[in-house]
Amino acid sequence: MRDEQWLDEWGADRRTDCARIVQGDSVPDLFIPTLIELYRNGRFPLDRLMAFYPFEQINEAARASEHGEVVEPTLRIATQLIQS
C-alpha cells in the first residue's frame, strides 16, 4: 500500500520524477492550467516531449530519443501525387 503522505492532489506519487496520466485520467479544467503554469515556471519541458523530423532523418530522430533529447520523435513522410 502506498504511503499517503507522498501523494499529491491527483493521487500521484511525489517521490517520482515523472507522473503519468492514463487514457485521459484528469480533470481538464484543473490539469491544463496546471501544465501551463508549470511550463511558464520552467518545470514542464514541453519542447522536449515531441519533435518532428523528415523521414530522411530517421536515424537522427532515433539518436535524439535514445539520448533523451526528445521523448516522442515524430517522422513526417512526404507524399507527392503523381499526375499523368
Protein backbone atom coordinates (compact mmCIF):
# COMPACT_ATOMS: atom_id res chain seq x y z
CA MET A 1 0.00 0.00 0.00
CA ARG A 2 1.23 3.49 -0.85
CA ASP A 3 2.17 5.93 1.89
CA GLU A 4 -0.47 8.71 1.75
CA GLN A 5 1.96 11.46 2.81
CA TRP A 6 3.67 11.26 -0.59
CA LEU A 7 0.53 11.65 -2.72
CA ASP A 8 -0.31 14.97 -4.37
CA GLU A 9 -3.81 16.34 -5.03
CA TRP A 10 -4.25 13.99 -8.03
CA GLY A 11 -3.03 10.93 -6.18
CA ALA A 12 0.33 10.90 -8.00
CA ASP A 13 3.37 9.78 -6.05
CA ARG A 14 5.54 12.90 -5.44
CA ARG A 15 8.63 10.75 -4.86
CA THR A 16 8.93 10.05 -8.58
CA ASP A 17 10.32 12.40 -11.20
CA CYS A 18 7.53 11.68 -13.64
CA ALA A 19 3.80 11.37 -13.14
CA ARG A 20 1.63 9.82 -15.80
CA ILE A 21 -1.92 10.29 -16.97
CA VAL A 22 -3.59 7.16 -18.28
CA GLN A 23 -6.20 7.50 -21.01
CA GLY A 24 -7.31 10.99 -20.05
CA ASP A 25 -7.43 10.32 -16.32
CA SER A 26 -7.53 14.03 -15.46
CA VAL A 27 -9.88 16.96 -14.96
CA PRO A 28 -9.06 19.29 -17.87
CA ASP A 29 -10.22 22.44 -16.04
CA LEU A 30 -7.57 21.74 -13.38
CA PHE A 31 -4.94 19.84 -15.33
CA ILE A 32 -4.42 22.16 -18.32
CA PRO A 33 -3.96 25.36 -16.27
CA THR A 34 -1.54 23.45 -14.04
CA LEU A 35 0.50 22.33 -17.08
CA ILE A 36 0.56 25.91 -18.38
CA GLU A 37 1.77 27.21 -15.03
CA LEU A 38 4.45 24.52 -14.81
CA TYR A 39 5.60 25.40 -18.34
CA ARG A 40 5.75 29.12 -17.53
CA ASN A 41 7.85 28.34 -14.46
CA GLY A 42 10.25 26.18 -16.47
CA ARG A 43 9.14 22.97 -14.76
CA PHE A 44 7.38 21.31 -17.75
CA PRO A 45 9.72 20.75 -20.73
CA LEU A 46 7.06 20.82 -23.45
CA ASP A 47 9.69 21.39 -26.14
CA ARG A 48 11.36 18.06 -25.21
CA LEU A 49 8.20 15.98 -25.41
CA MET A 50 7.73 15.95 -29.15
CA ALA A 51 9.88 16.86 -32.12
CA PHE A 52 9.25 16.46 -35.83
CA TYR A 53 11.78 15.03 -38.28
CA PRO A 54 11.56 14.44 -42.03
CA PHE A 55 11.67 10.74 -42.81
CA GLU A 56 15.15 11.14 -44.24
CA GLN A 57 16.37 12.00 -40.72
CA ILE A 58 15.08 8.78 -39.15
CA ASN A 59 18.50 7.99 -37.65
CA GLU A 60 18.74 11.46 -36.09
CA ALA A 61 15.25 11.01 -34.60
CA ALA A 62 16.25 7.68 -33.08
CA ARG A 63 19.50 9.13 -31.71
CA ALA A 64 17.67 12.10 -30.15
CA SER A 65 15.24 9.73 -28.45
CA GLU A 66 18.00 7.44 -27.18
CA HIS A 67 19.90 10.41 -25.71
CA GLY A 68 16.84 11.88 -24.00
CA GLU A 69 16.73 14.96 -26.19
CA VAL A 70 13.12 14.24 -27.14
CA VAL A 71 10.50 11.89 -25.72
CA GLU A 72 8.40 11.35 -28.85
CA PRO A 73 10.26 11.84 -32.14
CA THR A 74 7.69 12.01 -34.93
CA LEU A 75 8.62 11.26 -38.52
CA ARG A 76 6.98 13.18 -41.33
CA ILE A 77 6.63 11.23 -44.53
CA ALA A 78 6.15 13.49 -47.53
CA THR A 79 3.83 12.17 -50.19
CA GLN A 80 3.59 13.51 -53.69
CA LEU A 81 0.76 12.95 -56.09
CA ILE A 82 1.89 11.63 -59.43
CA GLN A 83 -0.03 13.28 -62.21
CA SER A 84 -0.31 11.56 -65.55
